[in-house]
């Protein structure tokens, strides 16, 4: 098994995972969006963003392993890095994909035991999901233009697992929509995510005007979109929150 000494992660959720597996001393680079856990990432050099990594800085570091993601990173950057380095291009569209990635990275880095323990704890949170009545849901990630999520995304799978069927499940990726289209779907619930667009209270009224029958809520985007070790905390919070919206 290779003993990787200089790891670069270009995926915020997986940077947190690598640290939580006890490998922060081997992380030689991260993106500026890799913000968890805050007390440990501050000392790790930044090599740009997820969509615009500094390839020159990465080459200076000369890593022996790079973690990327098909969705979060641009294919042209990944292709260029693969010419010179070992790059693991993860693909995570479901909770199951995310659990498999934890297992695989645990194997790669000789951390199988803590990875399996992490998976067990996440699965426990899944088993603790409250059994509530389904609420048809639209999950908004952007404004101007309005954007939501399709059926082939991790967010969609999280919604499904918590009894919040996605009204845009006939679409793919992150479709642009008009509010009149949202109204036509007549969701029970509209969720305004805190990321990537920072929705605030002032945005609720605009949705309520278009969908007066819907309940409109601000939600923590990390609960729905961060995978890896963050799932344990996110799913615990989701379990408690899901009960409150059914009261």
C-alpha atoms as a PDB file:
ATOM      1  CA  UNK A   1       0.000   0.000   0.000  1.00  0.00           C
ATOM      2  CA  UNK A   2       1.481   3.398  -0.961  1.00  0.00           C
ATOM      3  CA  UNK A   3       2.348   5.681   1.911  1.00  0.00           C
ATOM      4  CA  UNK A   4       1.074   9.020   0.644  1.00  0.00           C
ATOM      5  CA  UNK A   5       2.875  11.944   2.259  1.00  0.00           C
ATOM      6  CA  UNK A   6       1.568  14.965   0.319  1.00  0.00           C
ATOM      7  CA  UNK A   7      -2.165  14.957  -0.347  1.00  0.00           C
ATOM      8  CA  UNK A   8      -4.050  17.788  -2.014  1.00  0.00           C
ATOM      9  CA  UNK A   9      -7.842  17.902  -1.780  1.00  0.00           C
ATOM     10  CA  UNK A  10      -9.845  20.010  -4.228  1.00  0.00           C
ATOM     11  CA  UNK A  11     -13.162  18.934  -2.660  1.00  0.00           C
ATOM     12  CA  UNK A  12     -14.305  20.722   0.541  1.00  0.00           C
ATOM     13  CA  UNK A  13     -16.313  17.790   1.914  1.00  0.00           C
ATOM     14  CA  UNK A  14     -13.448  15.375   1.317  1.00  0.00           C
ATOM     15  CA  UNK A  15     -10.847  17.718   2.835  1.00  0.00           C
ATOM     16  CA  UNK A  16     -12.865  17.480   6.044  1.00  0.00           C
ATOM     17  CA  UNK A  17     -13.028  13.697   5.662  1.00  0.00           C
ATOM     18  CA  UNK A  18      -9.256  13.352   5.240  1.00  0.00           C
ATOM     19  CA  UNK A  19      -8.717  15.422   8.383  1.00  0.00           C
ATOM     20  CA  UNK A  20     -11.288  13.434  10.346  1.00  0.00           C
ATOM     21  CA  UNK A  21      -9.489  10.246   9.319  1.00  0.00           C
ATOM     22  CA  UNK A  22      -6.462  11.642  11.144  1.00  0.00           C
ATOM     23  CA  UNK A  23      -4.415  12.723   8.133  1.00  0.00           C
ATOM     24  CA  UNK A  24      -4.253  16.501   8.543  1.00  0.00           C
ATOM     25  CA  UNK A  25      -0.448  16.359   8.779  1.00  0.00           C
ATOM     26  CA  UNK A  26      -0.352  14.906   5.245  1.00  0.00           C
ATOM     27  CA  UNK A  27      -2.681  17.477   3.669  1.00  0.00           C
ATOM     28  CA  UNK A  28      -0.402  19.718   1.635  1.00  0.00           C
ATOM     29  CA  UNK A  29      -3.065  21.770  -0.123  1.00  0.00           C
ATOM     30  CA  UNK A  30      -6.769  22.666  -0.139  1.00  0.00           C
ATOM     31  CA  UNK A  31      -9.187  25.059  -1.828  1.00  0.00           C
ATOM     32  CA  UNK A  32     -10.370  28.270  -0.204  1.00  0.00           C
ATOM     33  CA  UNK A  33     -13.782  26.646   0.172  1.00  0.00           C
ATOM     34  CA  UNK A  34     -12.350  23.881   2.360  1.00  0.00           C
ATOM     35  CA  UNK A  35     -13.413  25.491   5.639  1.00  0.00           C
ATOM     36  CA  UNK A  36     -14.074  22.526   7.970  1.00  0.00           C
ATOM     37  CA  UNK A  37     -12.820  21.778  10.532  1.00  0.00           C
ATOM     38  CA  UNK A  38     -11.892  25.429  10.947  1.00  0.00           C
ATOM     39  CA  UNK A  39      -9.227  24.945  13.617  1.00  0.00           C
ATOM     40  CA  UNK A  40      -7.296  22.490  11.435  1.00  0.00           C
ATOM     41  CA  UNK A  41      -7.651  23.803   7.888  1.00  0.00           C
ATOM     42  CA  UNK A  42      -6.160  27.219   8.632  1.00  0.00           C
ATOM     43  CA  UNK A  43      -2.614  25.854   8.514  1.00  0.00           C
ATOM     44  CA  UNK A  44      -3.092  24.028   5.208  1.00  0.00           C
ATOM     45  CA  UNK A  45      -1.958  26.003   2.108  1.00  0.00           C
ATOM     46  CA  UNK A  46      -4.674  27.211  -0.269  1.00  0.00           C
ATOM     47  CA  UNK A  47      -4.274  26.272  -3.942  1.00  0.00           C
ATOM     48  CA  UNK A  48      -7.126  28.330  -5.397  1.00  0.00           C
ATOM     49  CA  UNK A  49     -10.800  27.412  -5.682  1.00  0.00           C
ATOM     50  CA  UNK A  50     -12.687  24.329  -6.788  1.00  0.00           C
ATOM     51  CA  UNK A  51     -13.358  25.758 -10.259  1.00  0.00           C
ATOM     52  CA  UNK A  52     -10.080  27.658 -10.631  1.00  0.00           C
ATOM     53  CA  UNK A  53      -7.283  25.773  -8.870  1.00  0.00           C
ATOM     54  CA  UNK A  54      -3.796  27.244  -9.125  1.00  0.00           C
ATOM     55  CA  UNK A  55      -2.116  24.534 -11.137  1.00  0.00           C
ATOM     56  CA  UNK A  56       1.240  26.272 -10.722  1.00  0.00           C
ATOM     57  CA  UNK A  57       0.948  26.097  -6.933  1.00  0.00           C
ATOM     58  CA  UNK A  58      -0.076  22.461  -7.104  1.00  0.00           C
ATOM     59  CA  UNK A  59       2.999  21.691  -9.193  1.00  0.00           C
ATOM     60  CA  UNK A  60       5.216  23.502  -6.665  1.00  0.00           C
ATOM     61  CA  UNK A  61       3.829  21.299  -3.901  1.00  0.00           C
ATOM     62  CA  UNK A  62       4.344  18.205  -6.097  1.00  0.00           C
ATOM     63  CA  UNK A  63       1.719  16.048  -4.351  1.00  0.00           C
ATOM     64  CA  UNK A  64       1.691  12.269  -4.530  1.00  0.00           C
ATOM     65  CA  UNK A  65      -2.146  12.102  -4.383  1.00  0.00           C
ATOM     66  CA  UNK A  66      -4.897  14.524  -5.427  1.00  0.00           C
ATOM     67  CA  UNK A  67      -8.578  14.173  -4.520  1.00  0.00           C
ATOM     68  CA  UNK A  68     -10.964  15.706  -7.061  1.00  0.00           C
ATOM     69  CA  UNK A  69     -14.641  15.400  -7.892  1.00  0.00           C
ATOM     70  CA  UNK A  70     -16.413  15.122 -11.240  1.00  0.00           C
ATOM     71  CA  UNK A  71     -19.011  17.725 -10.265  1.00  0.00           C
ATOM     72  CA  UNK A  72     -16.995  20.188  -8.197  1.00  0.00           C
ATOM     73  CA  UNK A  73     -13.902  20.433 -10.403  1.00  0.00           C
ATOM     74  CA  UNK A  74     -13.561  21.295 -14.079  1.00  0.00           C
ATOM     75  CA  UNK A  75     -12.694  18.407 -16.422  1.00  0.00           C
ATOM     76  CA  UNK A  76      -9.940  20.413 -18.119  1.00  0.00           C
ATOM     77  CA  UNK A  77      -8.175  21.011 -14.776  1.00  0.00           C
ATOM     78  CA  UNK A  78      -8.513  17.350 -13.829  1.00  0.00           C
ATOM     79  CA  UNK A  79      -7.152  16.233 -17.206  1.00  0.00           C
ATOM     80  CA  UNK A  80      -4.112  18.488 -16.911  1.00  0.00           C
ATOM     81  CA  UNK A  81      -3.364  17.323 -13.370  1.00  0.00           C
ATOM     82  CA  UNK A  82      -3.720  13.662 -14.370  1.00  0.00           C
ATOM     83  CA  UNK A  83      -0.857  14.110 -16.835  1.00  0.00           C
ATOM     84  CA  UNK A  84       1.551  14.578 -13.921  1.00  0.00           C
ATOM     85  CA  UNK A  85      -0.080  13.290 -10.728  1.00  0.00           C
ATOM     86  CA  UNK A  86      -2.212  10.514  -9.296  1.00  0.00           C
ATOM     87  CA  UNK A  87      -5.743  11.938  -9.202  1.00  0.00           C
ATOM     88  CA  UNK A  88      -8.766  10.254  -7.653  1.00  0.00           C
ATOM     89  CA  UNK A  89     -11.823  11.706  -9.428  1.00  0.00           C
ATOM     90  CA  UNK A  90     -14.717  10.900  -7.124  1.00  0.00           C
ATOM     91  CA  UNK A  91     -18.335  10.773  -8.341  1.00  0.00           C
ATOM     92  CA  UNK A  92     -20.948  11.301  -5.648  1.00  0.00           C
ATOM     93  CA  UNK A  93     -24.606  11.579  -6.607  1.00  0.00           C
ATOM     94  CA  UNK A  94     -26.176   9.593  -3.756  1.00  0.00           C
ATOM     95  CA  UNK A  95     -25.700   8.887  -0.062  1.00  0.00           C
ATOM     96  CA  UNK A  96     -24.572   5.384  -1.033  1.00  0.00           C
ATOM     97  CA  UNK A  97     -21.903   6.868  -3.324  1.00  0.00           C
ATOM     98  CA  UNK A  98     -20.683   9.003  -0.436  1.00  0.00           C
ATOM     99  CA  UNK A  99     -20.426   6.020   1.921  1.00  0.00           C
ATOM    100  CA  UNK A 100     -18.507   4.039  -0.714  1.00  0.00           C
ATOM    101  CA  UNK A 101     -16.092   6.961  -1.101  1.00  0.00           C
ATOM    102  CA  UNK A 102     -15.441   7.024   2.651  1.00  0.00           C
ATOM    103  CA  UNK A 103     -14.700   3.296   2.533  1.00  0.00           C
ATOM    104  CA  UNK A 104     -12.433   3.599  -0.512  1.00  0.00           C
ATOM    105  CA  UNK A 105     -10.408   6.513   0.864  1.00  0.00           C
ATOM    106  CA  UNK A 106     -10.068   4.659   4.162  1.00  0.00           C
ATOM    107  CA  UNK A 107      -8.537   1.765   2.231  1.00  0.00           C
ATOM    108  CA  UNK A 108      -6.261   4.019   0.156  1.00  0.00           C
ATOM    109  CA  UNK A 109      -4.842   5.810   3.177  1.00  0.00           C
ATOM    110  CA  UNK A 110      -4.594   2.828   5.520  1.00  0.00           C
ATOM    111  CA  UNK A 111      -7.440   4.150   7.677  1.00  0.00           C
ATOM    112  CA  UNK A 112      -9.961   1.383   7.115  1.00  0.00           C
ATOM    113  CA  UNK A 113     -10.957   1.068  10.776  1.00  0.00           C
ATOM    114  CA  UNK A 114     -11.824   4.745  11.438  1.00  0.00           C
ATOM    115  CA  UNK A 115     -13.518   4.927   8.026  1.00  0.00           C
ATOM    116  CA  UNK A 116     -15.718   1.921   8.815  1.00  0.00           C
ATOM    117  CA  UNK A 117     -16.554   3.370  12.231  1.00  0.00           C
ATOM    118  CA  UNK A 118     -17.553   6.622  10.539  1.00  0.00           C
ATOM    119  CA  UNK A 119     -19.792   4.735   8.096  1.00  0.00           C
ATOM    120  CA  UNK A 120     -21.468   2.904  10.976  1.00  0.00           C
ATOM    121  CA  UNK A 121     -22.219   6.180  12.761  1.00  0.00           C
ATOM    122  CA  UNK A 122     -23.645   7.747   9.589  1.00  0.00           C
ATOM    123  CA  UNK A 123     -25.825   4.700   8.953  1.00  0.00           C
ATOM    124  CA  UNK A 124     -27.094   4.983  12.522  1.00  0.00           C
ATOM    125  CA  UNK A 125     -28.244   8.555  11.808  1.00  0.00           C
ATOM    126  CA  UNK A 126     -30.000   7.269   8.694  1.00  0.00           C
ATOM    127  CA  UNK A 127     -31.818   4.641  10.722  1.00  0.00           C
ATOM    128  CA  UNK A 128     -32.955   7.355  13.149  1.00  0.00           C
ATOM    129  CA  UNK A 129     -34.807   9.329  10.457  1.00  0.00           C
ATOM    130  CA  UNK A 130     -38.273  10.319  11.660  1.00  0.00           C
ATOM    131  CA  UNK A 131     -41.198   8.710   9.874  1.00  0.00           C
ATOM    132  CA  UNK A 132     -43.101  11.807   8.785  1.00  0.00           C
ATOM    133  CA  UNK A 133     -45.638  12.465   6.056  1.00  0.00           C
ATOM    134  CA  UNK A 134     -44.023  13.321   2.713  1.00  0.00           C
ATOM    135  CA  UNK A 135     -43.868  16.975   1.645  1.00  0.00           C
ATOM    136  CA  UNK A 136     -43.315  17.734  -2.031  1.00  0.00           C
ATOM    137  CA  UNK A 137     -40.310  20.032  -2.131  1.00  0.00           C
ATOM    138  CA  UNK A 138     -38.434  22.488  -4.317  1.00  0.00           C
ATOM    139  CA  UNK A 139     -34.845  23.134  -3.235  1.00  0.00           C
ATOM    140  CA  UNK A 140     -33.447  26.451  -4.488  1.00  0.00           C
ATOM    141  CA  UNK A 141     -29.691  26.978  -4.819  1.00  0.00           C
ATOM    142  CA  UNK A 142     -29.489  30.225  -6.811  1.00  0.00           C
ATOM    143  CA  UNK A 143     -31.269  33.461  -7.699  1.00  0.00           C
ATOM    144  CA  UNK A 144     -31.007  35.560 -10.904  1.00  0.00           C
ATOM    145  CA  UNK A 145     -31.480  33.131 -12.479  1.00  0.00           C
ATOM    146  CA  UNK A 146     -33.456  30.901 -10.147  1.00  0.00           C
ATOM    147  CA  UNK A 147     -31.866  27.451 -10.017  1.00  0.00           C
ATOM    148  CA  UNK A 148     -32.896  24.212  -8.381  1.00  0.00           C
ATOM    149  CA  UNK A 149     -31.700  20.569  -8.350  1.00  0.00           C
ATOM    150  CA  UNK A 150     -32.467  17.632 -10.629  1.00  0.00           C
ATOM    151  CA  UNK A 151     -32.727  13.920  -9.914  1.00  0.00           C
ATOM    152  CA  UNK A 152     -29.050  13.084 -10.512  1.00  0.00           C
ATOM    153  CA  UNK A 153     -27.647  15.124  -7.615  1.00  0.00           C
ATOM    154  CA  UNK A 154     -26.609  14.305  -4.065  1.00  0.00           C
ATOM    155  CA  UNK A 155     -29.029  16.957  -2.763  1.00  0.00           C
ATOM    156  CA  UNK A 156     -31.923  15.196  -4.504  1.00  0.00           C
ATOM    157  CA  UNK A 157     -31.018  11.906  -2.819  1.00  0.00           C
ATOM    158  CA  UNK A 158     -30.896  13.551   0.606  1.00  0.00           C
ATOM    159  CA  UNK A 159     -34.311  15.127   0.003  1.00  0.00           C
ATOM    160  CA  UNK A 160     -35.751  11.744  -1.000  1.00  0.00           C
ATOM    161  CA  UNK A 161     -34.333  10.042   2.061  1.00  0.00           C
ATOM    162  CA  UNK A 162     -35.949  12.564   4.401  1.00  0.00           C
ATOM    163  CA  UNK A 163     -39.402  12.334   2.862  1.00  0.00           C
ATOM    164  CA  UNK A 164     -39.099  15.491   0.779  1.00  0.00           C
ATOM    165  CA  UNK A 165     -39.706  14.336  -2.819  1.00  0.00           C
ATOM    166  CA  UNK A 166     -38.177  16.732  -5.315  1.00  0.00           C
ATOM    167  CA  UNK A 167     -40.784  18.357  -7.590  1.00  0.00           C
ATOM    168  CA  UNK A 168     -38.094  18.809 -10.248  1.00  0.00           C
ATOM    169  CA  UNK A 169     -37.131  15.137 -10.348  1.00  0.00           C
ATOM    170  CA  UNK A 170     -37.786  15.050 -14.096  1.00  0.00           C
ATOM    171  CA  UNK A 171     -34.811  17.345 -14.673  1.00  0.00           C
ATOM    172  CA  UNK A 172     -31.033  16.851 -14.430  1.00  0.00           C
ATOM    173  CA  UNK A 173     -28.167  18.625 -12.714  1.00  0.00           C
ATOM    174  CA  UNK A 174     -29.013  22.190 -11.688  1.00  0.00           C
ATOM    175  CA  UNK A 175     -31.730  23.530 -13.981  1.00  0.00           C
ATOM    176  CA  UNK A 176     -32.649  27.183 -14.363  1.00  0.00           C
ATOM    177  CA  UNK A 177     -36.339  27.811 -13.766  1.00  0.00           C
ATOM    178  CA  UNK A 178     -38.890  30.615 -13.753  1.00  0.00           C
ATOM    179  CA  UNK A 179     -41.071  31.262 -10.703  1.00  0.00           C
ATOM    180  CA  UNK A 180     -44.146  30.560 -12.809  1.00  0.00           C
ATOM    181  CA  UNK A 181     -42.751  27.058 -13.346  1.00  0.00           C
ATOM    182  CA  UNK A 182     -42.273  26.668  -9.614  1.00  0.00           C
ATOM    183  CA  UNK A 183     -45.886  27.753  -9.100  1.00  0.00           C
ATOM    184  CA  UNK A 184     -47.048  25.186 -11.638  1.00  0.00           C
ATOM    185  CA  UNK A 185     -45.420  22.404  -9.613  1.00  0.00           C
ATOM    186  CA  UNK A 186     -47.299  23.609  -6.501  1.00  0.00           C
ATOM    187  CA  UNK A 187     -44.824  22.283  -3.882  1.00  0.00           C
ATOM    188  CA  UNK A 188     -45.771  21.851  -0.244  1.00  0.00           C
ATOM    189  CA  UNK A 189     -42.366  23.196   0.733  1.00  0.00           C
ATOM    190  CA  UNK A 190     -39.754  25.494  -0.810  1.00  0.00           C
ATOM    191  CA  UNK A 191     -36.294  25.384   0.740  1.00  0.00           C
ATOM    192  CA  UNK A 192     -33.906  28.309   0.230  1.00  0.00           C
ATOM    193  CA  UNK A 193     -30.369  27.069   0.787  1.00  0.00           C
ATOM    194  CA  UNK A 194     -27.651  29.053   2.548  1.00  0.00           C
ATOM    195  CA  UNK A 195     -25.211  28.012  -0.197  1.00  0.00           C
ATOM    196  CA  UNK A 196     -24.010  28.506  -2.858  1.00  0.00           C
ATOM    197  CA  UNK A 197     -26.376  31.504  -3.023  1.00  0.00           C
ATOM    198  CA  UNK A 198     -26.747  33.095   0.433  1.00  0.00           C
ATOM    199  CA  UNK A 199     -30.527  33.251   0.652  1.00  0.00           C
ATOM    200  CA  UNK A 200     -31.867  35.485   3.436  1.00  0.00           C
ATOM    201  CA  UNK A 201     -35.223  36.337   5.009  1.00  0.00           C
ATOM    202  CA  UNK A 202     -35.807  39.045   2.397  1.00  0.00           C
ATOM    203  CA  UNK A 203     -36.024  36.416  -0.358  1.00  0.00           C
ATOM    204  CA  UNK A 204     -38.868  34.491   1.268  1.00  0.00           C
ATOM    205  CA  UNK A 205     -41.581  37.000   0.275  1.00  0.00           C
ATOM    206  CA  UNK A 206     -40.771  36.670  -3.433  1.00  0.00           C
ATOM    207  CA  UNK A 207     -41.304  32.914  -3.318  1.00  0.00           C
ATOM    208  CA  UNK A 208     -44.432  33.252  -1.176  1.00  0.00           C
ATOM    209  CA  UNK A 209     -45.919  35.610  -3.736  1.00  0.00           C
ATOM    210  CA  UNK A 210     -45.363  33.071  -6.505  1.00  0.00           C
ATOM    211  CA  UNK A 211     -46.413  30.058  -4.386  1.00  0.00           C
ATOM    212  CA  UNK A 212     -48.845  31.283  -1.713  1.00  0.00           C
ATOM    213  CA  UNK A 213     -49.805  27.744  -0.723  1.00  0.00           C
ATOM    214  CA  UNK A 214     -46.209  26.661  -0.051  1.00  0.00           C
ATOM    215  CA  UNK A 215     -44.276  26.864   3.178  1.00  0.00           C
ATOM    216  CA  UNK A 216     -40.983  28.673   2.489  1.00  0.00           C
ATOM    217  CA  UNK A 217     -37.997  28.060   4.746  1.00  0.00           C
ATOM    218  CA  UNK A 218     -34.334  29.002   4.907  1.00  0.00           C
ATOM    219  CA  UNK A 219     -32.139  25.938   5.430  1.00  0.00           C
ATOM    220  CA  UNK A 220     -28.489  25.187   6.109  1.00  0.00           C
ATOM    221  CA  UNK A 221     -27.087  24.075   2.774  1.00  0.00           C
ATOM    222  CA  UNK A 222     -24.371  21.958   4.357  1.00  0.00           C
ATOM    223  CA  UNK A 223     -27.006  19.542   5.698  1.00  0.00           C
ATOM    224  CA  UNK A 224     -28.028  18.680   2.150  1.00  0.00           C
ATOM    225  CA  UNK A 225     -24.865  19.068   0.091  1.00  0.00           C
ATOM    226  CA  UNK A 226     -21.795  18.172   2.209  1.00  0.00           C
ATOM    227  CA  UNK A 227     -20.909  14.495   2.225  1.00  0.00           C
ATOM    228  CA  UNK A 228     -17.982  12.632   3.819  1.00  0.00           C
ATOM    229  CA  UNK A 229     -17.609  12.843   7.586  1.00  0.00           C
ATOM    230  CA  UNK A 230     -19.915  15.873   7.617  1.00  0.00           C
ATOM    231  CA  UNK A 231     -22.830  13.496   6.997  1.00  0.00           C
ATOM    232  CA  UNK A 232     -22.835  12.353  10.607  1.00  0.00           C
ATOM    233  CA  UNK A 233     -23.464  15.857  11.945  1.00  0.00           C
ATOM    234  CA  UNK A 234     -25.676  16.898   9.018  1.00  0.00           C
ATOM    235  CA  UNK A 235     -27.951  13.882   9.268  1.00  0.00           C
ATOM    236  CA  UNK A 236     -28.323  14.297  13.012  1.00  0.00           C
ATOM    237  CA  UNK A 237     -29.419  17.903  12.473  1.00  0.00           C
ATOM    238  CA  UNK A 238     -31.708  16.872   9.615  1.00  0.00           C
ATOM    239  CA  UNK A 239     -33.441  14.331  11.839  1.00  0.00           C
ATOM    240  CA  UNK A 240     -34.251  16.973  14.445  1.00  0.00           C
ATOM    241  CA  UNK A 241     -35.248  19.576  11.825  1.00  0.00           C
ATOM    242  CA  UNK A 242     -37.485  17.170   9.896  1.00  0.00           C
ATOM    243  CA  UNK A 243     -39.652  16.678  12.982  1.00  0.00           C
ATOM    244  CA  UNK A 244     -40.092  20.434  13.433  1.00  0.00           C
ATOM    245  CA  UNK A 245     -41.441  21.049   9.919  1.00  0.00           C
ATOM    246  CA  UNK A 246     -44.150  18.433  10.453  1.00  0.00           C
ATOM    247  CA  UNK A 247     -45.399  19.891  13.733  1.00  0.00           C
END
